[in-house]
């Protein structure tokens, strides 16, 4: 069974691409011209989102360099200790809604320091996989298409982030309490 899944995964993308070309040709679509037009639109969109991306990167850098991250971690640490979660994962929990790359860097450092099979390693991996970059999504995607009123999207996104954070803590500490 594992060999079949491996074979299918190796061939899925090439077969899909070939299928698109064959169906496009049978329907008399100018496949290459359509591809070039799509690439041109993609390039235009990339140029349009660069200011939003730069603004987000600068804001995250200011947040970390100013010491605001450390202050926030210090303030929220007692809550984490109260619910039985290791405070070491708090910087990841704070950074994840802001930047996937920065959160992945924090997760990598924690895994390197504590090990992938430790409670902290499993918890930060679960958090990395179950939460999303709410502010990045709102800044980049909403900004690029001109959505200006996204108050409810922020509340929904942060509620989802908090829910998955607490669910990750609950499930991981329940299943892996013996590792602490």
Protein backbone atom coordinates (compact mmCIF):
# COMPACT_ATOMS: atom_id res chain seq x y z
CA UNK A 1 0.00 0.00 0.00
CA UNK A 2 2.82 2.39 0.91
CA UNK A 3 4.52 1.70 -2.41
CA UNK A 4 1.31 2.47 -4.31
CA UNK A 5 0.91 5.80 -2.50
CA UNK A 6 4.54 6.63 -3.22
CA UNK A 7 4.11 5.86 -6.92
CA UNK A 8 0.91 7.89 -7.19
CA UNK A 9 2.52 10.86 -5.46
CA UNK A 10 5.48 10.78 -7.84
CA UNK A 11 3.28 10.79 -10.93
CA UNK A 12 0.34 12.97 -9.79
CA UNK A 13 1.69 16.35 -10.91
CA UNK A 14 3.18 15.25 -14.26
CA UNK A 15 -0.03 13.39 -15.15
CA UNK A 16 -2.13 16.41 -14.12
CA UNK A 17 -0.04 18.75 -16.27
CA UNK A 18 -0.24 16.39 -19.23
CA UNK A 19 -3.99 16.08 -18.74
CA UNK A 20 -4.40 19.88 -18.75
CA UNK A 21 -2.41 20.12 -21.99
CA UNK A 22 -4.37 17.32 -23.67
CA UNK A 23 -7.79 18.65 -22.63
CA UNK A 24 -6.80 22.20 -23.62
CA UNK A 25 -5.66 21.01 -27.02
CA UNK A 26 -8.82 18.94 -27.57
CA UNK A 27 -10.95 21.98 -26.71
CA UNK A 28 -8.88 24.09 -29.11
CA UNK A 29 -7.62 26.39 -26.37
CA UNK A 30 -4.40 28.20 -27.17
CA UNK A 31 -2.62 26.62 -24.20
CA UNK A 32 0.70 28.44 -24.37
CA UNK A 33 -0.92 31.83 -24.94
CA UNK A 34 -3.28 31.22 -22.02
CA UNK A 35 -0.32 30.26 -19.85
CA UNK A 36 1.58 33.43 -20.81
CA UNK A 37 -1.49 35.60 -20.14
CA UNK A 38 -1.89 34.00 -16.70
CA UNK A 39 1.79 34.50 -15.93
CA UNK A 40 1.49 38.16 -16.93
CA UNK A 41 -1.47 38.63 -14.57
CA UNK A 42 0.49 36.86 -11.82
CA UNK A 43 3.45 39.18 -12.30
CA UNK A 44 1.16 42.22 -12.13
CA UNK A 45 -0.34 40.91 -8.89
CA UNK A 46 3.13 40.30 -7.44
CA UNK A 47 4.11 43.91 -8.18
CA UNK A 48 0.86 45.09 -6.59
CA UNK A 49 1.40 43.17 -3.32
CA UNK A 50 5.06 44.11 -2.78
CA UNK A 51 4.24 47.28 -0.77
CA UNK A 52 1.96 45.29 1.55
CA UNK A 53 4.60 42.59 1.99
CA UNK A 54 7.35 45.11 2.77
CA UNK A 55 5.10 46.91 5.27
CA UNK A 56 4.34 43.61 7.04
CA UNK A 57 8.00 42.60 7.22
CA UNK A 58 8.99 46.01 8.62
CA UNK A 59 6.19 45.91 11.21
CA UNK A 60 7.24 42.44 12.40
CA UNK A 61 10.87 43.53 12.61
CA UNK A 62 9.92 46.58 14.67
CA UNK A 63 7.74 44.42 16.95
CA UNK A 64 10.59 42.03 17.68
CA UNK A 65 13.43 44.59 17.83
CA UNK A 66 11.55 46.99 20.11
CA UNK A 67 11.24 44.40 22.87
CA UNK A 68 7.44 44.33 22.57
CA UNK A 69 7.60 40.56 21.99
CA UNK A 70 9.52 40.06 25.24
CA UNK A 71 7.07 42.24 27.18
CA UNK A 72 4.09 40.37 25.76
CA UNK A 73 5.68 37.01 26.59
CA UNK A 74 6.36 38.16 30.16
CA UNK A 75 2.77 39.35 30.61
CA UNK A 76 1.17 36.20 29.15
CA UNK A 77 3.53 33.63 30.73
CA UNK A 78 1.48 33.27 33.95
CA UNK A 79 -1.57 32.26 31.90
CA UNK A 80 0.45 29.58 30.15
CA UNK A 81 1.81 28.31 33.46
CA UNK A 82 -1.74 28.24 34.84
CA UNK A 83 -3.00 25.99 32.03
CA UNK A 84 0.05 23.75 32.23
CA UNK A 85 1.68 24.75 28.95
CA UNK A 86 5.43 25.29 28.75
CA UNK A 87 6.15 29.02 28.53
CA UNK A 88 8.94 28.32 26.01
CA UNK A 89 6.34 27.98 23.22
CA UNK A 90 4.81 31.40 23.92
CA UNK A 91 7.04 33.34 21.47
CA UNK A 92 5.90 30.94 18.75
CA UNK A 93 2.25 31.40 19.73
CA UNK A 94 2.63 35.18 19.56
CA UNK A 95 4.57 35.21 16.29
CA UNK A 96 2.47 32.66 14.36
CA UNK A 97 -0.45 35.01 13.54
CA UNK A 98 2.08 37.58 12.30
CA UNK A 99 4.61 35.67 10.24
CA UNK A 100 4.90 32.06 9.20
CA UNK A 101 8.62 32.37 8.50
CA UNK A 102 9.43 33.93 11.86
CA UNK A 103 7.25 31.36 13.65
CA UNK A 104 8.97 28.54 11.77
CA UNK A 105 12.34 29.95 12.83
CA UNK A 106 11.23 30.01 16.47
CA UNK A 107 9.84 26.47 16.14
CA UNK A 108 13.10 25.26 14.62
CA UNK A 109 15.10 26.77 17.48
CA UNK A 110 12.82 25.17 20.08
CA UNK A 111 13.00 21.78 18.37
CA UNK A 112 16.79 22.03 18.10
CA UNK A 113 17.07 22.96 21.79
CA UNK A 114 14.51 20.55 23.28
CA UNK A 115 14.35 17.80 20.65
CA UNK A 116 11.58 16.83 18.23
CA UNK A 117 10.19 14.15 20.56
CA UNK A 118 9.98 16.40 23.63
CA UNK A 119 6.70 17.89 24.85
CA UNK A 120 7.85 21.32 23.65
CA UNK A 121 8.92 19.94 20.26
CA UNK A 122 5.63 18.14 19.68
CA UNK A 123 3.58 21.09 20.95
CA UNK A 124 5.33 23.69 18.80
CA UNK A 125 5.06 21.37 15.76
CA UNK A 126 1.35 20.95 16.36
CA UNK A 127 0.90 24.68 16.80
CA UNK A 128 2.86 25.37 13.60
CA UNK A 129 0.65 23.01 11.63
CA UNK A 130 -2.71 23.98 13.08
CA UNK A 131 -2.63 27.78 13.17
CA UNK A 132 -2.37 30.33 10.41
CA UNK A 133 -0.73 33.67 9.71
CA UNK A 134 -3.82 35.81 10.24
CA UNK A 135 -2.27 39.27 9.94
CA UNK A 136 -0.10 38.23 7.01
CA UNK A 137 -3.17 36.96 5.16
CA UNK A 138 -5.18 40.07 5.94
CA UNK A 139 -2.38 42.44 5.02
CA UNK A 140 -1.26 40.72 1.87
CA UNK A 141 -4.38 39.21 0.35
CA UNK A 142 -6.99 41.68 1.49
CA UNK A 143 -4.70 44.62 0.73
CA UNK A 144 -3.86 43.36 -2.74
CA UNK A 145 -7.50 43.19 -3.80
CA UNK A 146 -8.46 46.47 -2.12
CA UNK A 147 -10.55 45.24 0.81
CA UNK A 148 -10.42 47.98 3.45
CA UNK A 149 -13.08 46.93 5.98
CA UNK A 150 -11.82 43.71 7.51
CA UNK A 151 -12.63 44.21 11.18
CA UNK A 152 -14.66 40.99 11.43
CA UNK A 153 -12.01 39.04 9.56
CA UNK A 154 -9.44 40.03 12.21
CA UNK A 155 -11.75 38.93 15.02
CA UNK A 156 -12.55 35.65 13.26
CA UNK A 157 -8.92 34.93 12.43
CA UNK A 158 -7.64 35.66 15.93
CA UNK A 159 -10.46 33.61 17.46
CA UNK A 160 -9.47 30.71 15.24
CA UNK A 161 -5.81 31.18 16.22
CA UNK A 162 -6.65 31.16 19.93
CA UNK A 163 -8.92 28.16 19.53
CA UNK A 164 -6.27 26.14 17.74
CA UNK A 165 -3.63 27.27 20.23
CA UNK A 166 -5.64 26.05 23.21
CA UNK A 167 -6.73 22.90 21.37
CA UNK A 168 -3.08 22.14 20.54
CA UNK A 169 -2.06 22.64 24.15
CA UNK A 170 -4.93 20.51 25.44
CA UNK A 171 -4.48 17.63 23.01
CA UNK A 172 -0.68 17.51 23.15
CA UNK A 173 -0.51 17.71 26.94
CA UNK A 174 -3.25 15.08 27.18
CA UNK A 175 -1.53 12.68 24.79
CA UNK A 176 2.09 13.43 25.69
CA UNK A 177 1.95 14.39 29.40
CA UNK A 178 4.46 11.62 30.12
CA UNK A 179 7.13 13.59 28.23
CA UNK A 180 7.17 16.55 30.62
